[in-house]
Amino acid sequence: MRRYAVFCGSYNLMIGGAKDLLESFETLEKAKEKVEQIPKENSFANWVQIFDKETEEVTVYTIVDGKLKERKDE
């Protein structure tokens, strides 16, 4: 099973959804490699998410000045 799904979008609101799915990966490491490439490949992207299908946990990143910043919700 490809456990980790990577989503990416260009809207400021982190709505997410099936249309924002880029790809799924078997390991978290491979998903993170893809996430690190997104700011270099897509200048319109504002946010990225890694969704763990097994635990249903989401890691959210915003892209600021071409760099990833993990978003911490409190």
N, C-alpha and C. Protein backbone atom coordinates (compact mmCIF):
# COMPACT_ATOMS: atom_id res chain seq x y z
N MET A 1 0.84 -1.18 0.00
CA MET A 1 0.00 0.00 0.00
C MET A 1 0.89 1.25 0.00
N ARG A 2 0.49 2.22 -0.75
CA ARG A 2 1.17 3.52 -0.74
C ARG A 2 0.53 4.35 0.36
N ARG A 3 1.18 4.32 1.52
CA ARG A 3 0.60 4.84 2.75
C ARG A 3 0.56 6.36 2.83
N TYR A 4 1.51 7.06 2.22
CA TYR A 4 1.64 8.51 2.39
C TYR A 4 1.22 9.25 1.13
N ALA A 5 0.19 10.06 1.23
CA ALA A 5 -0.31 10.83 0.10
C ALA A 5 0.18 12.27 0.23
N VAL A 6 0.66 12.83 -0.88
CA VAL A 6 1.14 14.21 -0.90
C VAL A 6 0.13 15.05 -1.68
N PHE A 7 -0.34 16.11 -1.02
CA PHE A 7 -1.26 17.06 -1.62
C PHE A 7 -0.57 18.41 -1.73
N CYS A 8 -0.94 19.19 -2.74
CA CYS A 8 -0.31 20.49 -2.95
C CYS A 8 -1.32 21.42 -3.61
N GLY A 9 -1.31 22.69 -3.20
CA GLY A 9 -2.24 23.64 -3.79
C GLY A 9 -1.69 25.04 -3.83
N SER A 10 -2.40 25.88 -4.57
CA SER A 10 -1.94 27.26 -4.74
C SER A 10 -2.85 28.27 -4.07
N TYR A 11 -3.92 27.83 -3.45
CA TYR A 11 -4.81 28.76 -2.76
C TYR A 11 -4.27 29.02 -1.37
N ASN A 12 -4.53 30.21 -0.86
CA ASN A 12 -4.10 30.53 0.50
C ASN A 12 -4.86 29.71 1.53
N LEU A 13 -6.11 29.39 1.26
CA LEU A 13 -6.87 28.54 2.16
C LEU A 13 -6.45 27.10 1.91
N MET A 14 -6.12 26.38 2.94
CA MET A 14 -5.67 25.00 2.78
C MET A 14 -6.87 24.07 2.74
N ILE A 15 -7.57 24.13 1.63
CA ILE A 15 -8.80 23.37 1.48
C ILE A 15 -8.47 21.90 1.23
N GLY A 16 -7.60 21.64 0.29
CA GLY A 16 -7.24 20.27 -0.03
C GLY A 16 -8.36 19.55 -0.74
N GLY A 17 -8.09 18.38 -1.21
CA GLY A 17 -9.09 17.58 -1.88
C GLY A 17 -8.46 16.71 -2.94
N ALA A 18 -9.27 15.88 -3.57
CA ALA A 18 -8.76 14.92 -4.54
C ALA A 18 -8.02 15.60 -5.69
N LYS A 19 -8.47 16.77 -6.11
CA LYS A 19 -7.80 17.43 -7.24
C LYS A 19 -6.40 17.92 -6.87
N ASP A 20 -6.11 18.03 -5.58
CA ASP A 20 -4.81 18.50 -5.13
C ASP A 20 -3.83 17.35 -4.84
N LEU A 21 -4.27 16.11 -5.04
CA LEU A 21 -3.39 14.95 -4.82
C LEU A 21 -2.32 14.91 -5.90
N LEU A 22 -1.06 14.88 -5.48
CA LEU A 22 0.04 14.77 -6.44
C LEU A 22 0.42 13.32 -6.67
N GLU A 23 0.69 12.62 -5.57
CA GLU A 23 1.20 11.26 -5.67
C GLU A 23 1.17 10.61 -4.30
N SER A 24 1.19 9.29 -4.26
CA SER A 24 1.29 8.55 -3.01
C SER A 24 2.60 7.77 -2.99
N PHE A 25 3.12 7.56 -1.79
CA PHE A 25 4.41 6.91 -1.61
C PHE A 25 4.32 5.83 -0.55
N GLU A 26 5.20 4.84 -0.65
CA GLU A 26 5.21 3.75 0.32
C GLU A 26 5.88 4.13 1.62
N THR A 27 6.83 5.07 1.59
CA THR A 27 7.54 5.46 2.81
C THR A 27 7.45 6.97 3.04
N LEU A 28 7.56 7.33 4.30
CA LEU A 28 7.54 8.75 4.67
C LEU A 28 8.75 9.47 4.09
N GLU A 29 9.88 8.81 4.03
CA GLU A 29 11.09 9.43 3.49
C GLU A 29 10.91 9.84 2.04
N LYS A 30 10.29 8.97 1.24
CA LYS A 30 10.07 9.29 -0.18
C LYS A 30 9.05 10.42 -0.32
N ALA A 31 8.05 10.42 0.54
CA ALA A 31 7.06 11.51 0.51
C ALA A 31 7.74 12.84 0.84
N LYS A 32 8.62 12.84 1.84
CA LYS A 32 9.32 14.07 2.22
C LYS A 32 10.26 14.54 1.11
N GLU A 33 10.88 13.60 0.39
CA GLU A 33 11.74 13.99 -0.74
C GLU A 33 10.92 14.75 -1.78
N LYS A 34 9.73 14.25 -2.08
CA LYS A 34 8.86 14.91 -3.04
C LYS A 34 8.45 16.29 -2.53
N VAL A 35 8.09 16.37 -1.26
CA VAL A 35 7.67 17.64 -0.66
C VAL A 35 8.79 18.68 -0.77
N GLU A 36 10.01 18.28 -0.56
CA GLU A 36 11.15 19.20 -0.63
C GLU A 36 11.39 19.72 -2.05
N GLN A 37 10.95 18.97 -3.06
CA GLN A 37 11.12 19.39 -4.46
C GLN A 37 10.05 20.39 -4.90
N ILE A 38 8.91 20.37 -4.27
CA ILE A 38 7.77 21.16 -4.72
C ILE A 38 8.07 22.66 -4.81
N PRO A 39 8.68 23.29 -3.80
CA PRO A 39 8.95 24.73 -3.94
C PRO A 39 9.87 25.06 -5.12
N LYS A 40 10.72 24.13 -5.49
CA LYS A 40 11.64 24.34 -6.62
C LYS A 40 10.94 24.16 -7.96
N GLU A 41 9.93 23.28 -7.99
CA GLU A 41 9.26 22.92 -9.24
C GLU A 41 8.00 23.73 -9.52
N ASN A 42 7.34 24.23 -8.47
CA ASN A 42 6.04 24.87 -8.64
C ASN A 42 6.03 26.22 -7.91
N SER A 43 6.25 27.27 -8.65
CA SER A 43 6.31 28.61 -8.03
C SER A 43 4.94 29.11 -7.59
N PHE A 44 3.86 28.45 -8.00
CA PHE A 44 2.52 28.87 -7.60
C PHE A 44 2.02 28.15 -6.36
N ALA A 45 2.73 27.14 -5.89
CA ALA A 45 2.29 26.38 -4.71
C ALA A 45 2.44 27.22 -3.46
N ASN A 46 1.42 27.18 -2.61
CA ASN A 46 1.44 27.89 -1.33
C ASN A 46 1.44 26.95 -0.14
N TRP A 47 0.96 25.73 -0.33
CA TRP A 47 0.88 24.79 0.76
C TRP A 47 1.09 23.37 0.26
N VAL A 48 1.54 22.51 1.18
CA VAL A 48 1.77 21.09 0.90
C VAL A 48 1.32 20.30 2.13
N GLN A 49 0.75 19.12 1.90
CA GLN A 49 0.35 18.26 3.00
C GLN A 49 0.84 16.85 2.75
N ILE A 50 1.25 16.17 3.82
CA ILE A 50 1.52 14.73 3.77
C ILE A 50 0.45 14.08 4.64
N PHE A 51 -0.33 13.20 4.05
CA PHE A 51 -1.41 12.51 4.75
C PHE A 51 -1.02 11.06 4.93
N ASP A 52 -1.00 10.60 6.18
CA ASP A 52 -0.72 9.21 6.51
C ASP A 52 -2.06 8.46 6.49
N LYS A 53 -2.26 7.63 5.51
CA LYS A 53 -3.54 6.94 5.33
C LYS A 53 -3.84 5.97 6.47
N GLU A 54 -2.80 5.45 7.11
CA GLU A 54 -3.01 4.47 8.18
C GLU A 54 -3.43 5.13 9.49
N THR A 55 -2.76 6.20 9.87
CA THR A 55 -3.07 6.86 11.14
C THR A 55 -3.98 8.07 10.98
N GLU A 56 -4.20 8.50 9.73
CA GLU A 56 -5.01 9.68 9.39
C GLU A 56 -4.43 10.97 9.95
N GLU A 57 -3.13 11.00 10.15
CA GLU A 57 -2.45 12.22 10.59
C GLU A 57 -1.98 13.00 9.37
N VAL A 58 -1.99 14.33 9.50
CA VAL A 58 -1.60 15.21 8.41
C VAL A 58 -0.49 16.13 8.89
N THR A 59 0.55 16.25 8.06
CA THR A 59 1.60 17.24 8.30
C THR A 59 1.42 18.31 7.24
N VAL A 60 1.28 19.57 7.68
CA VAL A 60 0.99 20.67 6.78
C VAL A 60 2.20 21.60 6.71
N TYR A 61 2.55 21.98 5.49
CA TYR A 61 3.64 22.93 5.26
C TYR A 61 3.09 24.11 4.48
N THR A 62 3.60 25.29 4.77
CA THR A 62 3.37 26.44 3.92
C THR A 62 4.68 26.73 3.20
N ILE A 63 4.57 27.35 2.05
CA ILE A 63 5.76 27.70 1.28
C ILE A 63 5.90 29.22 1.33
N VAL A 64 7.00 29.67 1.92
CA VAL A 64 7.27 31.09 2.08
C VAL A 64 8.64 31.38 1.48
N ASP A 65 8.67 32.27 0.51
CA ASP A 65 9.92 32.64 -0.16
C ASP A 65 10.68 31.42 -0.68
N GLY A 66 9.93 30.46 -1.24
CA GLY A 66 10.54 29.28 -1.83
C GLY A 66 11.05 28.25 -0.83
N LYS A 67 10.66 28.40 0.44
CA LYS A 67 11.11 27.45 1.47
C LYS A 67 9.91 26.88 2.21
N LEU A 68 10.05 25.62 2.63
CA LEU A 68 9.00 24.96 3.38
C LEU A 68 9.06 25.35 4.85
N LYS A 69 7.89 25.59 5.41
CA LYS A 69 7.77 25.85 6.85
C LYS A 69 6.64 24.97 7.36
N GLU A 70 6.98 24.10 8.32
CA GLU A 70 5.95 23.23 8.87
C GLU A 70 4.99 24.05 9.71
N ARG A 71 3.74 23.80 9.51
CA ARG A 71 2.71 24.55 10.23
C ARG A 71 2.32 23.77 11.48
N LYS A 72 2.37 24.43 12.60
CA LYS A 72 2.01 23.83 13.88
C LYS A 72 0.67 24.39 14.33
N ASP A 73 -0.35 23.56 14.31
CA ASP A 73 -1.67 23.98 14.80
C ASP A 73 -1.73 23.75 16.29
N GLU A 74 -2.27 24.69 16.97
CA GLU A 74 -2.37 24.57 18.44
C GLU A 74 -3.78 24.35 18.87
